[in-house]
Amino acid sequence: MVKKLLIVAGLLSLVALFLINGGQDYLNFDSLKQHKDDLLAYTDANFWKAFFITGAIYILSTVLNLPSAAIMSLAIGFIFGRWYGVLLATVASTIGAVLVFWLARYLIADWARSQLEKMNSTKNVMEKLHGDVFGYLIFMRAVPIFPFWFVNMIFAFSPIKTKQYAIGTYFGMWPVSFVLVNLGQSLSTVDSMEQLFTGEVIVSFVLIGVLALITTTVMRARKNKALVKKMNGISL
């Protein structure tokens, strides 16, 4: 119990330090635009150092549940370009998500699961997660309407294994990260976030969601078909 309290205290202290030192003033669009030339110059001179520092910041912001995933992905696209950017964004977000997953399981999973199963509104959701947890993970990662922190937490209360969670998170995040990183390359030509999220971009997110839904539906159908065949074989 003491160890858990120390971990919680440490996380809260980091969040407090972030806020006290005005960290929220740096993780936003205006700050990125203001410092873009300095960021590019530093990266040109110290590419791999900047690469790993940015990854560490992304991981830490994910662990602390800071609302920075979108702006970090945009910044990564602007600074590192498409392919290095997608690699960095997907790997860093996956590592951060797995760390949150572990922390949530260790700190509150048993208590939270028992509370959620008592509520009718969440009991059905938990039952569905138990039925096809990997498929739901892929879908919820690929559809940006679900907050990143929410998905990190809810699956900690499911029976999914860490390896499955990491794989599902990586591949589920890839399409969204690809779109955001690509958008980041246009930062020098726009004056606000609203100018980035055009109708075409919104359609792209919708198509990603539809594709994720189709993929998970096919996976679920194949799983059910295999289960039926197995049951028929046993009955024979």
C-alpha atoms as a PDB file:
ATOM      1  CA  MET A   1       0.000   0.000   0.000  1.00  0.00           C
ATOM      2  CA  VAL A   2       2.824   2.380   0.894  1.00  0.00           C
ATOM      3  CA  LYS A   3       4.522   1.708  -2.446  1.00  0.00           C
ATOM      4  CA  LYS A   4       1.320   2.545  -4.314  1.00  0.00           C
ATOM      5  CA  LEU A   5       0.896   5.800  -2.393  1.00  0.00           C
ATOM      6  CA  LEU A   6       4.493   6.771  -3.173  1.00  0.00           C
ATOM      7  CA  ILE A   7       3.934   6.142  -6.891  1.00  0.00           C
ATOM      8  CA  VAL A   8       0.746   8.240  -6.884  1.00  0.00           C
ATOM      9  CA  ALA A   9       2.504  11.004  -4.953  1.00  0.00           C
ATOM     10  CA  GLY A  10       5.376  10.960  -7.442  1.00  0.00           C
ATOM     11  CA  LEU A  11       3.042  11.230 -10.437  1.00  0.00           C
ATOM     12  CA  LEU A  12       1.062  14.062  -8.844  1.00  0.00           C
ATOM     13  CA  SER A  13       4.305  15.867  -8.023  1.00  0.00           C
ATOM     14  CA  LEU A  14       5.408  15.686 -11.661  1.00  0.00           C
ATOM     15  CA  VAL A  15       2.055  17.071 -12.825  1.00  0.00           C
ATOM     16  CA  ALA A  16       2.315  19.866 -10.247  1.00  0.00           C
ATOM     17  CA  LEU A  17       5.846  20.729 -11.404  1.00  0.00           C
ATOM     18  CA  PHE A  18       4.643  20.816 -14.996  1.00  0.00           C
ATOM     19  CA  LEU A  19       1.854  23.265 -14.154  1.00  0.00           C
ATOM     20  CA  ILE A  20       3.906  25.414 -11.772  1.00  0.00           C
ATOM     21  CA  ASN A  21       6.635  25.871 -14.384  1.00  0.00           C
ATOM     22  CA  GLY A  22       4.131  26.782 -17.079  1.00  0.00           C
ATOM     23  CA  GLY A  23       4.509  23.601 -19.090  1.00  0.00           C
ATOM     24  CA  GLN A  24       1.045  24.041 -20.559  1.00  0.00           C
ATOM     25  CA  ASP A  25       2.277  27.227 -22.238  1.00  0.00           C
ATOM     26  CA  TYR A  26       4.757  25.241 -24.306  1.00  0.00           C
ATOM     27  CA  LEU A  27       2.542  22.336 -25.401  1.00  0.00           C
ATOM     28  CA  ASN A  28       0.270  24.380 -27.641  1.00  0.00           C
ATOM     29  CA  PHE A  29       0.064  25.572 -31.239  1.00  0.00           C
ATOM     30  CA  ASP A  30       1.120  29.188 -30.630  1.00  0.00           C
ATOM     31  CA  SER A  31       4.272  28.167 -28.775  1.00  0.00           C
ATOM     32  CA  LEU A  32       5.164  25.698 -31.510  1.00  0.00           C
ATOM     33  CA  LYS A  33       4.798  28.370 -34.173  1.00  0.00           C
ATOM     34  CA  GLN A  34       6.811  30.848 -32.125  1.00  0.00           C
ATOM     35  CA  HIS A  35       9.759  28.492 -31.590  1.00  0.00           C
ATOM     36  CA  LYS A  36       9.640  26.563 -34.873  1.00  0.00           C
ATOM     37  CA  ASP A  37      12.851  28.064 -36.276  1.00  0.00           C
ATOM     38  CA  ASP A  38      14.785  27.310 -33.078  1.00  0.00           C
ATOM     39  CA  LEU A  39      13.438  23.746 -33.010  1.00  0.00           C
ATOM     40  CA  LEU A  40      14.414  23.128 -36.628  1.00  0.00           C
ATOM     41  CA  ALA A  41      17.877  24.603 -36.125  1.00  0.00           C
ATOM     42  CA  TYR A  42      18.530  22.479 -33.028  1.00  0.00           C
ATOM     43  CA  THR A  43      17.285  19.343 -34.782  1.00  0.00           C
ATOM     44  CA  ASP A  44      19.487  19.988 -37.811  1.00  0.00           C
ATOM     45  CA  ALA A  45      22.522  20.218 -35.530  1.00  0.00           C
ATOM     46  CA  ASN A  46      21.541  17.401 -33.126  1.00  0.00           C
ATOM     47  CA  PHE A  47      19.108  15.130 -34.970  1.00  0.00           C
ATOM     48  CA  TRP A  48      19.247  11.957 -32.876  1.00  0.00           C
ATOM     49  CA  LYS A  49      19.525  13.827 -29.587  1.00  0.00           C
ATOM     50  CA  ALA A  50      16.406  15.823 -30.503  1.00  0.00           C
ATOM     51  CA  PHE A  51      14.719  12.630 -31.684  1.00  0.00           C
ATOM     52  CA  PHE A  52      15.149  10.804 -28.381  1.00  0.00           C
ATOM     53  CA  ILE A  53      14.448  13.867 -26.219  1.00  0.00           C
ATOM     54  CA  THR A  54      11.179  14.424 -28.076  1.00  0.00           C
ATOM     55  CA  GLY A  55      10.283  10.769 -27.651  1.00  0.00           C
ATOM     56  CA  ALA A  56      10.954  10.966 -23.914  1.00  0.00           C
ATOM     57  CA  ILE A  57       8.767  14.082 -23.606  1.00  0.00           C
ATOM     58  CA  TYR A  58       5.972  12.335 -25.510  1.00  0.00           C
ATOM     59  CA  ILE A  59       6.207   9.250 -23.267  1.00  0.00           C
ATOM     60  CA  LEU A  60       6.232  11.334 -20.080  1.00  0.00           C
ATOM     61  CA  SER A  61       3.266  13.450 -21.209  1.00  0.00           C
ATOM     62  CA  THR A  62       1.339  10.242 -21.925  1.00  0.00           C
ATOM     63  CA  VAL A  63       2.138   8.754 -18.516  1.00  0.00           C
ATOM     64  CA  LEU A  64       1.025  11.969 -16.794  1.00  0.00           C
ATOM     65  CA  ASN A  65      -2.159  12.076 -18.922  1.00  0.00           C
ATOM     66  CA  LEU A  66      -1.371  15.556 -20.205  1.00  0.00           C
ATOM     67  CA  PRO A  67      -3.617  16.709 -23.092  1.00  0.00           C
ATOM     68  CA  SER A  68      -0.747  16.886 -25.544  1.00  0.00           C
ATOM     69  CA  ALA A  69      -0.960  13.891 -27.910  1.00  0.00           C
ATOM     70  CA  ALA A  70      -2.257  15.864 -30.910  1.00  0.00           C
ATOM     71  CA  ILE A  71       0.123  18.828 -30.587  1.00  0.00           C
ATOM     72  CA  MET A  72       3.068  16.475 -29.979  1.00  0.00           C
ATOM     73  CA  SER A  73       2.260  14.508 -33.147  1.00  0.00           C
ATOM     74  CA  LEU A  74       1.949  17.731 -35.140  1.00  0.00           C
ATOM     75  CA  ALA A  75       5.257  19.007 -33.757  1.00  0.00           C
ATOM     76  CA  ILE A  76       6.976  15.708 -34.521  1.00  0.00           C
ATOM     77  CA  GLY A  77       5.745  15.832 -38.111  1.00  0.00           C
ATOM     78  CA  PHE A  78       6.961  19.394 -38.533  1.00  0.00           C
ATOM     79  CA  ILE A  79      10.393  18.753 -37.013  1.00  0.00           C
ATOM     80  CA  PHE A  80      11.241  15.237 -38.201  1.00  0.00           C
ATOM     81  CA  GLY A  81       9.200  14.793 -41.381  1.00  0.00           C
ATOM     82  CA  ARG A  82       6.797  12.057 -42.384  1.00  0.00           C
ATOM     83  CA  TRP A  83       8.527   8.723 -41.872  1.00  0.00           C
ATOM     84  CA  TYR A  84      10.794   9.496 -38.925  1.00  0.00           C
ATOM     85  CA  GLY A  85       7.845  11.361 -37.442  1.00  0.00           C
ATOM     86  CA  VAL A  86       5.384   8.480 -37.782  1.00  0.00           C
ATOM     87  CA  LEU A  87       7.930   6.060 -36.329  1.00  0.00           C
ATOM     88  CA  LEU A  88       8.606   8.335 -33.350  1.00  0.00           C
ATOM     89  CA  ALA A  89       4.953   9.184 -32.684  1.00  0.00           C
ATOM     90  CA  THR A  90       3.713   5.585 -32.828  1.00  0.00           C
ATOM     91  CA  VAL A  91       6.559   4.077 -30.795  1.00  0.00           C
ATOM     92  CA  ALA A  92       6.524   6.826 -28.134  1.00  0.00           C
ATOM     93  CA  SER A  93       2.728   6.758 -27.788  1.00  0.00           C
ATOM     94  CA  THR A  94       2.788   2.954 -27.517  1.00  0.00           C
ATOM     95  CA  ILE A  95       5.486   2.966 -24.821  1.00  0.00           C
ATOM     96  CA  GLY A  96       3.615   5.660 -22.887  1.00  0.00           C
ATOM     97  CA  ALA A  97       0.323   3.791 -23.212  1.00  0.00           C
ATOM     98  CA  VAL A  98       1.885   0.540 -21.969  1.00  0.00           C
ATOM     99  CA  LEU A  99       3.362   2.344 -18.943  1.00  0.00           C
ATOM    100  CA  VAL A 100      -0.061   3.820 -18.109  1.00  0.00           C
ATOM    101  CA  PHE A 101      -1.567   0.359 -18.603  1.00  0.00           C
ATOM    102  CA  TRP A 102       0.883  -1.153 -16.113  1.00  0.00           C
ATOM    103  CA  LEU A 103       0.422   1.654 -13.598  1.00  0.00           C
ATOM    104  CA  ALA A 104      -3.370   1.465 -13.754  1.00  0.00           C
ATOM    105  CA  ARG A 105      -3.315  -2.304 -13.323  1.00  0.00           C
ATOM    106  CA  TYR A 106      -0.959  -2.107 -10.401  1.00  0.00           C
ATOM    107  CA  LEU A 107      -2.613   0.828  -8.634  1.00  0.00           C
ATOM    108  CA  ILE A 108      -6.372   0.582  -9.110  1.00  0.00           C
ATOM    109  CA  ALA A 109      -7.384  -2.191 -11.540  1.00  0.00           C
ATOM    110  CA  ASP A 110      -9.003  -4.574  -9.049  1.00  0.00           C
ATOM    111  CA  TRP A 111     -10.941  -1.834  -7.263  1.00  0.00           C
ATOM    112  CA  ALA A 112     -12.005  -0.085 -10.476  1.00  0.00           C
ATOM    113  CA  ARG A 113     -13.104  -3.320 -12.162  1.00  0.00           C
ATOM    114  CA  SER A 114     -15.354  -4.228  -9.222  1.00  0.00           C
ATOM    115  CA  GLN A 115     -16.893  -0.734  -9.224  1.00  0.00           C
ATOM    116  CA  LEU A 116     -17.484  -0.678 -12.982  1.00  0.00           C
ATOM    117  CA  GLU A 117     -19.163  -4.085 -12.938  1.00  0.00           C
ATOM    118  CA  LYS A 118     -21.642  -2.826 -10.327  1.00  0.00           C
ATOM    119  CA  MET A 119     -22.907  -0.109 -12.700  1.00  0.00           C
ATOM    120  CA  ASN A 120     -25.368  -1.189 -15.381  1.00  0.00           C
ATOM    121  CA  SER A 121     -24.090   1.474 -17.783  1.00  0.00           C
ATOM    122  CA  THR A 122     -20.559   0.060 -17.736  1.00  0.00           C
ATOM    123  CA  LYS A 123     -21.244  -3.601 -17.006  1.00  0.00           C
ATOM    124  CA  ASN A 124     -22.230  -4.312 -20.614  1.00  0.00           C
ATOM    125  CA  VAL A 125     -19.139  -2.510 -21.872  1.00  0.00           C
ATOM    126  CA  MET A 126     -16.902  -4.612 -19.633  1.00  0.00           C
ATOM    127  CA  GLU A 127     -18.612  -7.815 -20.794  1.00  0.00           C
ATOM    128  CA  LYS A 128     -18.032  -6.867 -24.435  1.00  0.00           C
ATOM    129  CA  LEU A 129     -14.383  -6.107 -23.706  1.00  0.00           C
ATOM    130  CA  HIS A 130     -14.007  -9.560 -22.214  1.00  0.00           C
ATOM    131  CA  GLY A 131     -15.552 -11.066 -25.356  1.00  0.00           C
ATOM    132  CA  ASP A 132     -13.295  -9.406 -27.960  1.00  0.00           C
ATOM    133  CA  VAL A 133     -10.836  -7.185 -26.161  1.00  0.00           C
ATOM    134  CA  PHE A 134      -8.225  -7.014 -28.958  1.00  0.00           C
ATOM    135  CA  GLY A 135     -10.777  -6.020 -31.609  1.00  0.00           C
ATOM    136  CA  TYR A 136     -12.194  -3.254 -29.429  1.00  0.00           C
ATOM    137  CA  LEU A 137      -8.679  -1.986 -28.700  1.00  0.00           C
ATOM    138  CA  ILE A 138      -7.860  -1.675 -32.411  1.00  0.00           C
ATOM    139  CA  PHE A 139     -11.139   0.148 -33.051  1.00  0.00           C
ATOM    140  CA  MET A 140     -10.868   2.579 -30.132  1.00  0.00           C
ATOM    141  CA  ARG A 141      -7.245   3.414 -30.941  1.00  0.00           C
ATOM    142  CA  ALA A 142      -8.022   4.089 -34.595  1.00  0.00           C
ATOM    143  CA  VAL A 143     -11.058   6.310 -33.910  1.00  0.00           C
ATOM    144  CA  PRO A 144      -9.870   9.674 -32.501  1.00  0.00           C
ATOM    145  CA  ILE A 145     -13.200  10.426 -30.775  1.00  0.00           C
ATOM    146  CA  PHE A 146     -12.058   8.330 -27.806  1.00  0.00           C
ATOM    147  CA  PRO A 147      -9.668  10.253 -25.508  1.00  0.00           C
ATOM    148  CA  PHE A 148      -6.207   8.710 -25.433  1.00  0.00           C
ATOM    149  CA  TRP A 149      -6.116   8.561 -21.623  1.00  0.00           C
ATOM    150  CA  PHE A 150      -9.554   6.889 -21.494  1.00  0.00           C
ATOM    151  CA  VAL A 151      -8.454   4.036 -23.753  1.00  0.00           C
ATOM    152  CA  ASN A 152      -5.243   3.655 -21.751  1.00  0.00           C
ATOM    153  CA  MET A 153      -7.207   3.277 -18.534  1.00  0.00           C
ATOM    154  CA  ILE A 154     -10.224   1.206 -19.599  1.00  0.00           C
ATOM    155  CA  PHE A 155      -8.159  -1.627 -21.066  1.00  0.00           C
ATOM    156  CA  ALA A 156      -6.153  -1.936 -17.869  1.00  0.00           C
ATOM    157  CA  PHE A 157      -9.368  -3.276 -16.346  1.00  0.00           C
ATOM    158  CA  SER A 158      -9.823  -5.883 -19.093  1.00  0.00           C
ATOM    159  CA  PRO A 159      -8.206  -9.341 -19.407  1.00  0.00           C
ATOM    160  CA  ILE A 160      -5.937  -8.304 -22.298  1.00  0.00           C
ATOM    161  CA  LYS A 161      -2.269  -9.266 -22.025  1.00  0.00           C
ATOM    162  CA  THR A 162       0.477  -6.654 -22.206  1.00  0.00           C
ATOM    163  CA  LYS A 163       1.836  -8.009 -25.510  1.00  0.00           C
ATOM    164  CA  GLN A 164      -1.615  -7.853 -27.127  1.00  0.00           C
ATOM    165  CA  TYR A 165      -2.170  -4.382 -25.720  1.00  0.00           C
ATOM    166  CA  ALA A 166       1.148  -3.092 -27.091  1.00  0.00           C
ATOM    167  CA  ILE A 167       0.571  -4.603 -30.555  1.00  0.00           C
ATOM    168  CA  GLY A 168      -3.038  -3.379 -30.735  1.00  0.00           C
ATOM    169  CA  THR A 169      -2.030   0.109 -29.590  1.00  0.00           C
ATOM    170  CA  TYR A 170       0.810   0.377 -32.102  1.00  0.00           C
ATOM    171  CA  PHE A 171      -1.185  -0.692 -35.130  1.00  0.00           C
ATOM    172  CA  GLY A 172      -4.333   1.100 -33.983  1.00  0.00           C
ATOM    173  CA  MET A 173      -2.447   4.363 -33.528  1.00  0.00           C
ATOM    174  CA  TRP A 174      -0.562   4.139 -36.827  1.00  0.00           C
ATOM    175  CA  PRO A 175      -3.271   5.576 -39.164  1.00  0.00           C
ATOM    176  CA  VAL A 176      -4.125   8.480 -36.845  1.00  0.00           C
ATOM    177  CA  SER A 177      -0.453   9.242 -36.208  1.00  0.00           C
ATOM    178  CA  PHE A 178       0.200   9.183 -39.954  1.00  0.00           C
ATOM    179  CA  VAL A 179      -2.509  11.792 -40.585  1.00  0.00           C
ATOM    180  CA  LEU A 180      -1.409  14.049 -37.702  1.00  0.00           C
ATOM    181  CA  VAL A 181       2.285  13.825 -38.578  1.00  0.00           C
ATOM    182  CA  ASN A 182       1.507  14.688 -42.188  1.00  0.00           C
ATOM    183  CA  LEU A 183      -0.530  17.656 -41.013  1.00  0.00           C
ATOM    184  CA  GLY A 184       2.434  18.757 -38.928  1.00  0.00           C
ATOM    185  CA  GLN A 185       4.460  19.272 -42.090  1.00  0.00           C
ATOM    186  CA  SER A 186       2.071  22.111 -42.990  1.00  0.00           C
ATOM    187  CA  LEU A 187       2.537  24.061 -39.754  1.00  0.00           C
ATOM    188  CA  SER A 188       4.668  26.753 -41.384  1.00  0.00           C
ATOM    189  CA  THR A 189       1.839  27.642 -43.796  1.00  0.00           C
ATOM    190  CA  VAL A 190      -1.062  28.029 -41.334  1.00  0.00           C
ATOM    191  CA  ASP A 191      -1.857  30.398 -38.491  1.00  0.00           C
ATOM    192  CA  SER A 192      -4.171  28.257 -36.344  1.00  0.00           C
ATOM    193  CA  MET A 193      -5.104  24.663 -35.556  1.00  0.00           C
ATOM    194  CA  GLU A 194      -8.493  25.197 -37.214  1.00  0.00           C
ATOM    195  CA  GLN A 195      -6.808  25.744 -40.570  1.00  0.00           C
ATOM    196  CA  LEU A 196      -5.188  22.323 -40.329  1.00  0.00           C
ATOM    197  CA  PHE A 197      -8.360  20.353 -39.662  1.00  0.00           C
ATOM    198  CA  THR A 198     -10.126  20.890 -42.971  1.00  0.00           C
ATOM    199  CA  GLY A 199     -13.058  18.923 -44.329  1.00  0.00           C
ATOM    200  CA  GLU A 200     -10.676  16.546 -46.116  1.00  0.00           C
ATOM    201  CA  VAL A 201      -8.850  15.788 -42.878  1.00  0.00           C
ATOM    202  CA  ILE A 202     -12.103  15.117 -41.023  1.00  0.00           C
ATOM    203  CA  VAL A 203     -13.168  12.781 -43.843  1.00  0.00           C
ATOM    204  CA  SER A 204      -9.814  10.994 -43.473  1.00  0.00           C
ATOM    205  CA  PHE A 205     -10.492  10.391 -39.776  1.00  0.00           C
ATOM    206  CA  VAL A 206     -13.990   9.118 -40.582  1.00  0.00           C
ATOM    207  CA  LEU A 207     -12.587   6.723 -43.185  1.00  0.00           C
ATOM    208  CA  ILE A 208     -10.012   5.480 -40.682  1.00  0.00           C
ATOM    209  CA  GLY A 209     -12.840   4.790 -38.242  1.00  0.00           C
ATOM    210  CA  VAL A 210     -14.863   2.950 -40.884  1.00  0.00           C
ATOM    211  CA  LEU A 211     -11.835   0.869 -41.893  1.00  0.00           C
ATOM    212  CA  ALA A 212     -11.139   0.032 -38.236  1.00  0.00           C
ATOM    213  CA  LEU A 213     -14.779  -1.005 -37.760  1.00  0.00           C
ATOM    214  CA  ILE A 214     -14.697  -3.238 -40.843  1.00  0.00           C
ATOM    215  CA  THR A 215     -11.386  -4.783 -39.762  1.00  0.00           C
ATOM    216  CA  THR A 216     -12.550  -5.566 -36.235  1.00  0.00           C
ATOM    217  CA  THR A 217     -15.891  -6.903 -37.528  1.00  0.00           C
ATOM    218  CA  VAL A 218     -14.084  -9.291 -39.889  1.00  0.00           C
ATOM    219  CA  MET A 219     -11.732 -10.375 -37.086  1.00  0.00           C
ATOM    220  CA  ARG A 220     -14.701 -10.999 -34.791  1.00  0.00           C
ATOM    221  CA  ALA A 221     -16.579 -12.970 -37.475  1.00  0.00           C
ATOM    222  CA  ARG A 222     -13.555 -15.186 -38.131  1.00  0.00           C
ATOM    223  CA  LYS A 223     -13.073 -15.755 -34.419  1.00  0.00           C
ATOM    224  CA  ASN A 224     -16.730 -16.735 -33.992  1.00  0.00           C
ATOM    225  CA  LYS A 225     -16.572 -19.004 -37.044  1.00  0.00           C
ATOM    226  CA  ALA A 226     -13.491 -20.768 -35.679  1.00  0.00           C
ATOM    227  CA  LEU A 227     -15.199 -21.151 -32.303  1.00  0.00           C
ATOM    228  CA  VAL A 228     -18.294 -22.686 -33.929  1.00  0.00           C
ATOM    229  CA  LYS A 229     -16.144 -25.154 -35.863  1.00  0.00           C
ATOM    230  CA  LYS A 230     -14.303 -26.080 -32.702  1.00  0.00           C
ATOM    231  CA  MET A 231     -17.560 -26.645 -30.796  1.00  0.00           C
ATOM    232  CA  ASN A 232     -18.979 -28.725 -33.663  1.00  0.00           C
ATOM    233  CA  GLY A 233     -15.826 -30.841 -33.682  1.00  0.00           C
ATOM    234  CA  ILE A 234     -16.139 -31.435 -29.929  1.00  0.00           C
ATOM    235  CA  SER A 235     -19.815 -32.387 -30.216  1.00  0.00           C
ATOM    236  CA  LEU A 236     -19.003 -34.925 -32.950  1.00  0.00           C
END
